[in-house]
Amino acid sequence: MPRSRKSQIALEATPYYHCTSRCVRRAFLCGRDEHSGNDYEHRRGWIEQRMKALAEVYALDICAYAVMSNHYHIVLHINAEKAKAWSDTEVIQRWHTLYAGNLLSHEHLAGKDLYEEQLNVLSELVTEWRERLMSISWFMRALNEDIARQANAEDVCTGRF
């Protein structure tokens, strides 16, 4: 039985991880589908662009990747030192490039004064977001969800891709 990524990752052992993601329902990620005759080669660009965009936000470095017809491989380096060096404001800005954040994070970035209790809550959120911004699971989720949305819109269907 497969184990979750979280239980397999140990930064003490190595910061490098090889990840794969496969398509469901015999869908084509890239290339030509011999059964339907459809050409999905343009999706390779979607994946490459999204990987690179996410690597700019996350504290994960892409060491190598390969995009196949129904799956892809990616080797990631968790750059924990990079994430630790970010200021709280930088963590919030990075988080906001991908996710909505909340009222406190938006008020902080707008320069509004926050009460001590609000600052404490924001500090907890920043700690959580910093951890997520160096999480392979969150990276893969952001990558796969975006590709699924684009492919599902193109294929006129719903669900996981």
C-alpha atoms as a PDB file:
ATOM      1  CA  MET A   1       0.000   0.000   0.000  1.00  0.00           C
ATOM      2  CA  PRO A   2       1.409   3.422  -0.910  1.00  0.00           C
ATOM      3  CA  ARG A   3       2.483   5.805   1.832  1.00  0.00           C
ATOM      4  CA  SER A   4       1.831   9.528   1.884  1.00  0.00           C
ATOM      5  CA  ARG A   5       4.641  11.842   0.746  1.00  0.00           C
ATOM      6  CA  LYS A   6       4.784  13.370   4.208  1.00  0.00           C
ATOM      7  CA  SER A   7       5.668  10.016   5.760  1.00  0.00           C
ATOM      8  CA  GLN A   8       8.343   9.367   3.107  1.00  0.00           C
ATOM      9  CA  ILE A   9      10.177  12.690   3.325  1.00  0.00           C
ATOM     10  CA  ALA A  10      13.010  13.087   5.807  1.00  0.00           C
ATOM     11  CA  LEU A  11      15.136  16.188   5.279  1.00  0.00           C
ATOM     12  CA  GLU A  12      17.719  14.762   7.678  1.00  0.00           C
ATOM     13  CA  ALA A  13      18.333  11.938   5.191  1.00  0.00           C
ATOM     14  CA  THR A  14      18.213  13.883   1.914  1.00  0.00           C
ATOM     15  CA  PRO A  15      16.678  17.058   0.482  1.00  0.00           C
ATOM     16  CA  TYR A  16      16.306  15.427  -3.000  1.00  0.00           C
ATOM     17  CA  TYR A  17      13.156  13.570  -4.066  1.00  0.00           C
ATOM     18  CA  HIS A  18      11.962  11.898  -7.255  1.00  0.00           C
ATOM     19  CA  CYS A  19       8.195  12.311  -7.746  1.00  0.00           C
ATOM     20  CA  THR A  20       5.834  11.035 -10.412  1.00  0.00           C
ATOM     21  CA  SER A  21       2.239  11.766 -11.288  1.00  0.00           C
ATOM     22  CA  ARG A  22       0.118   9.659 -13.615  1.00  0.00           C
ATOM     23  CA  CYS A  23      -3.088  10.388 -15.500  1.00  0.00           C
ATOM     24  CA  VAL A  24      -6.355   8.676 -14.655  1.00  0.00           C
ATOM     25  CA  ARG A  25      -9.054   7.259 -16.972  1.00  0.00           C
ATOM     26  CA  ARG A  26      -6.410   6.390 -19.606  1.00  0.00           C
ATOM     27  CA  ALA A  27      -6.140  10.079 -20.465  1.00  0.00           C
ATOM     28  CA  PHE A  28      -3.297  11.430 -22.536  1.00  0.00           C
ATOM     29  CA  LEU A  29      -1.079  14.014 -20.919  1.00  0.00           C
ATOM     30  CA  CYS A  30       1.002  14.703 -24.021  1.00  0.00           C
ATOM     31  CA  GLY A  31       1.482  13.241 -27.467  1.00  0.00           C
ATOM     32  CA  ARG A  32      -0.942  11.718 -29.945  1.00  0.00           C
ATOM     33  CA  ASP A  33      -3.785   9.479 -28.799  1.00  0.00           C
ATOM     34  CA  GLU A  34      -3.970   6.677 -31.382  1.00  0.00           C
ATOM     35  CA  HIS A  35      -7.570   5.794 -30.418  1.00  0.00           C
ATOM     36  CA  SER A  36      -9.068   9.261 -30.818  1.00  0.00           C
ATOM     37  CA  GLY A  37      -6.473  10.781 -33.139  1.00  0.00           C
ATOM     38  CA  ASN A  38      -6.202  13.845 -30.893  1.00  0.00           C
ATOM     39  CA  ASP A  39      -2.838  15.510 -30.468  1.00  0.00           C
ATOM     40  CA  TYR A  40      -2.105  16.704 -26.920  1.00  0.00           C
ATOM     41  CA  GLU A  41       1.510  17.708 -27.425  1.00  0.00           C
ATOM     42  CA  HIS A  42       0.734  21.340 -26.516  1.00  0.00           C
ATOM     43  CA  ARG A  43       0.065  20.233 -22.919  1.00  0.00           C
ATOM     44  CA  ARG A  44       3.789  19.613 -22.451  1.00  0.00           C
ATOM     45  CA  GLY A  45       4.213  23.404 -22.493  1.00  0.00           C
ATOM     46  CA  TRP A  46       1.504  23.811 -19.848  1.00  0.00           C
ATOM     47  CA  ILE A  47       3.326  21.452 -17.520  1.00  0.00           C
ATOM     48  CA  GLU A  48       6.764  22.942 -18.084  1.00  0.00           C
ATOM     49  CA  GLN A  49       5.505  26.518 -17.611  1.00  0.00           C
ATOM     50  CA  ARG A  50       3.581  25.629 -14.445  1.00  0.00           C
ATOM     51  CA  MET A  51       6.553  23.735 -12.960  1.00  0.00           C
ATOM     52  CA  LYS A  52       8.846  26.687 -13.543  1.00  0.00           C
ATOM     53  CA  ALA A  53       6.315  29.209 -12.211  1.00  0.00           C
ATOM     54  CA  LEU A  54       5.790  27.190  -9.032  1.00  0.00           C
ATOM     55  CA  ALA A  55       9.546  26.792  -8.526  1.00  0.00           C
ATOM     56  CA  GLU A  56       9.782  30.608  -8.453  1.00  0.00           C
ATOM     57  CA  VAL A  57       7.317  30.714  -5.537  1.00  0.00           C
ATOM     58  CA  TYR A  58       8.171  27.573  -3.564  1.00  0.00           C
ATOM     59  CA  ALA A  59      11.450  26.808  -1.808  1.00  0.00           C
ATOM     60  CA  LEU A  60      11.870  23.845  -4.134  1.00  0.00           C
ATOM     61  CA  ASP A  61      14.429  23.617  -6.885  1.00  0.00           C
ATOM     62  CA  ILE A  62      13.738  21.552 -10.012  1.00  0.00           C
ATOM     63  CA  CYS A  63      16.766  19.354 -10.656  1.00  0.00           C
ATOM     64  CA  ALA A  64      15.306  17.393 -13.581  1.00  0.00           C
ATOM     65  CA  TYR A  65      11.984  16.457 -15.131  1.00  0.00           C
ATOM     66  CA  ALA A  66      10.538  14.353 -17.939  1.00  0.00           C
ATOM     67  CA  VAL A  67       7.025  14.644 -19.348  1.00  0.00           C
ATOM     68  CA  MET A  68       5.747  11.409 -20.888  1.00  0.00           C
ATOM     69  CA  SER A  69       2.486  10.617 -22.697  1.00  0.00           C
ATOM     70  CA  ASN A  70       0.490   9.705 -19.577  1.00  0.00           C
ATOM     71  CA  HIS A  71       2.713  10.757 -16.649  1.00  0.00           C
ATOM     72  CA  TYR A  72       5.630  12.922 -15.642  1.00  0.00           C
ATOM     73  CA  HIS A  73       8.686  12.625 -13.438  1.00  0.00           C
ATOM     74  CA  ILE A  74      10.243  15.463 -11.489  1.00  0.00           C
ATOM     75  CA  VAL A  75      13.282  15.530  -9.208  1.00  0.00           C
ATOM     76  CA  LEU A  76      12.960  18.219  -6.544  1.00  0.00           C
ATOM     77  CA  HIS A  77      15.402  19.669  -4.037  1.00  0.00           C
ATOM     78  CA  ILE A  78      13.860  21.042  -0.849  1.00  0.00           C
ATOM     79  CA  ASN A  79      15.697  24.279  -0.137  1.00  0.00           C
ATOM     80  CA  ALA A  80      14.873  24.696   3.562  1.00  0.00           C
ATOM     81  CA  GLU A  81      17.567  27.347   4.087  1.00  0.00           C
ATOM     82  CA  LYS A  82      16.003  29.517   1.400  1.00  0.00           C
ATOM     83  CA  ALA A  83      12.578  29.282   3.069  1.00  0.00           C
ATOM     84  CA  LYS A  84      14.002  30.078   6.490  1.00  0.00           C
ATOM     85  CA  ALA A  85      15.712  33.182   5.090  1.00  0.00           C
ATOM     86  CA  TRP A  86      12.433  34.668   3.834  1.00  0.00           C
ATOM     87  CA  SER A  87      10.951  37.471   5.903  1.00  0.00           C
ATOM     88  CA  ASP A  88       7.355  37.084   7.081  1.00  0.00           C
ATOM     89  CA  THR A  89       6.290  39.650   4.490  1.00  0.00           C
ATOM     90  CA  GLU A  90       8.014  37.704   1.717  1.00  0.00           C
ATOM     91  CA  VAL A  91       6.270  34.495   2.809  1.00  0.00           C
ATOM     92  CA  ILE A  92       2.904  36.287   2.652  1.00  0.00           C
ATOM     93  CA  GLN A  93       3.669  37.764  -0.767  1.00  0.00           C
ATOM     94  CA  ARG A  94       4.708  34.373  -2.117  1.00  0.00           C
ATOM     95  CA  TRP A  95       1.599  32.742  -0.671  1.00  0.00           C
ATOM     96  CA  HIS A  96      -0.599  35.425  -2.230  1.00  0.00           C
ATOM     97  CA  THR A  97       0.796  34.699  -5.700  1.00  0.00           C
ATOM     98  CA  LEU A  98      -0.945  31.300  -5.559  1.00  0.00           C
ATOM     99  CA  TYR A  99      -3.623  31.516  -2.882  1.00  0.00           C
ATOM    100  CA  ALA A 100      -6.039  34.150  -1.588  1.00  0.00           C
ATOM    101  CA  GLY A 101      -4.594  34.550   1.903  1.00  0.00           C
ATOM    102  CA  ASN A 102      -6.915  36.114   4.445  1.00  0.00           C
ATOM    103  CA  LEU A 103      -7.981  39.500   5.804  1.00  0.00           C
ATOM    104  CA  LEU A 104      -5.031  39.747   8.220  1.00  0.00           C
ATOM    105  CA  SER A 105      -2.415  38.966   5.593  1.00  0.00           C
ATOM    106  CA  HIS A 106      -3.907  41.514   3.203  1.00  0.00           C
ATOM    107  CA  GLU A 107      -4.073  44.171   5.909  1.00  0.00           C
ATOM    108  CA  HIS A 108      -0.459  43.476   6.880  1.00  0.00           C
ATOM    109  CA  LEU A 109       0.715  43.916   3.287  1.00  0.00           C
ATOM    110  CA  ALA A 110      -1.328  47.119   3.023  1.00  0.00           C
ATOM    111  CA  GLY A 111       0.629  48.505   5.998  1.00  0.00           C
ATOM    112  CA  LYS A 112      -2.314  48.661   8.390  1.00  0.00           C
ATOM    113  CA  ASP A 113      -1.657  48.485  12.123  1.00  0.00           C
ATOM    114  CA  LEU A 114      -2.686  45.173  13.675  1.00  0.00           C
ATOM    115  CA  TYR A 115      -3.429  44.364  17.302  1.00  0.00           C
ATOM    116  CA  GLU A 116      -1.108  42.030  19.190  1.00  0.00           C
ATOM    117  CA  GLU A 117      -3.617  39.161  18.986  1.00  0.00           C
ATOM    118  CA  GLN A 118      -3.931  39.654  15.235  1.00  0.00           C
ATOM    119  CA  LEU A 119      -0.136  39.664  14.879  1.00  0.00           C
ATOM    120  CA  ASN A 120       0.032  36.393  16.828  1.00  0.00           C
ATOM    121  CA  VAL A 121      -2.524  34.781  14.519  1.00  0.00           C
ATOM    122  CA  LEU A 122      -0.695  36.115  11.480  1.00  0.00           C
ATOM    123  CA  SER A 123       2.598  34.771  12.830  1.00  0.00           C
ATOM    124  CA  GLU A 124       1.064  31.292  13.144  1.00  0.00           C
ATOM    125  CA  LEU A 125      -0.253  31.537   9.581  1.00  0.00           C
ATOM    126  CA  VAL A 126       3.147  32.627   8.264  1.00  0.00           C
ATOM    127  CA  THR A 127       4.774  29.640   9.969  1.00  0.00           C
ATOM    128  CA  GLU A 128       2.241  27.308   8.357  1.00  0.00           C
ATOM    129  CA  TRP A 129       2.592  28.955   4.933  1.00  0.00           C
ATOM    130  CA  ARG A 130       6.398  28.822   5.110  1.00  0.00           C
ATOM    131  CA  GLU A 131       6.196  25.059   5.739  1.00  0.00           C
ATOM    132  CA  ARG A 132       3.754  24.626   2.875  1.00  0.00           C
ATOM    133  CA  LEU A 133       5.983  26.645   0.545  1.00  0.00           C
ATOM    134  CA  MET A 134       8.694  24.026   0.999  1.00  0.00           C
ATOM    135  CA  SER A 135       6.297  21.064   0.862  1.00  0.00           C
ATOM    136  CA  ILE A 136       6.503  18.672  -2.063  1.00  0.00           C
ATOM    137  CA  SER A 137       2.878  17.684  -1.472  1.00  0.00           C
ATOM    138  CA  TRP A 138       1.684  21.275  -1.799  1.00  0.00           C
ATOM    139  CA  PHE A 139       3.869  21.789  -4.869  1.00  0.00           C
ATOM    140  CA  MET A 140       2.514  18.666  -6.588  1.00  0.00           C
ATOM    141  CA  ARG A 141      -1.033  19.594  -5.633  1.00  0.00           C
ATOM    142  CA  ALA A 142      -0.655  23.071  -7.158  1.00  0.00           C
ATOM    143  CA  LEU A 143       0.899  21.597 -10.297  1.00  0.00           C
ATOM    144  CA  ASN A 144      -1.612  18.782 -10.813  1.00  0.00           C
ATOM    145  CA  GLU A 145      -4.691  20.868  -9.998  1.00  0.00           C
ATOM    146  CA  ASP A 146      -3.789  23.529 -12.562  1.00  0.00           C
ATOM    147  CA  ILE A 147      -3.056  20.974 -15.292  1.00  0.00           C
ATOM    148  CA  ALA A 148      -6.289  19.106 -14.486  1.00  0.00           C
ATOM    149  CA  ARG A 149      -8.353  22.290 -14.779  1.00  0.00           C
ATOM    150  CA  GLN A 150      -6.854  23.139 -18.171  1.00  0.00           C
ATOM    151  CA  ALA A 151      -7.123  19.597 -19.543  1.00  0.00           C
ATOM    152  CA  ASN A 152     -10.662  19.130 -18.224  1.00  0.00           C
ATOM    153  CA  ALA A 153     -11.764  22.390 -19.832  1.00  0.00           C
ATOM    154  CA  GLU A 154     -10.228  21.241 -23.107  1.00  0.00           C
ATOM    155  CA  ASP A 155     -11.728  17.726 -22.848  1.00  0.00           C
ATOM    156  CA  VAL A 156     -15.104  19.026 -21.565  1.00  0.00           C
ATOM    157  CA  CYS A 157     -15.111  16.810 -18.490  1.00  0.00           C
ATOM    158  CA  THR A 158     -14.549  17.047 -14.733  1.00  0.00           C
ATOM    159  CA  GLY A 159     -12.537  15.266 -12.066  1.00  0.00           C
ATOM    160  CA  ARG A 160      -8.913  14.386 -11.491  1.00  0.00           C
ATOM    161  CA  PHE A 161      -6.651  14.266 -14.486  1.00  0.00           C
END
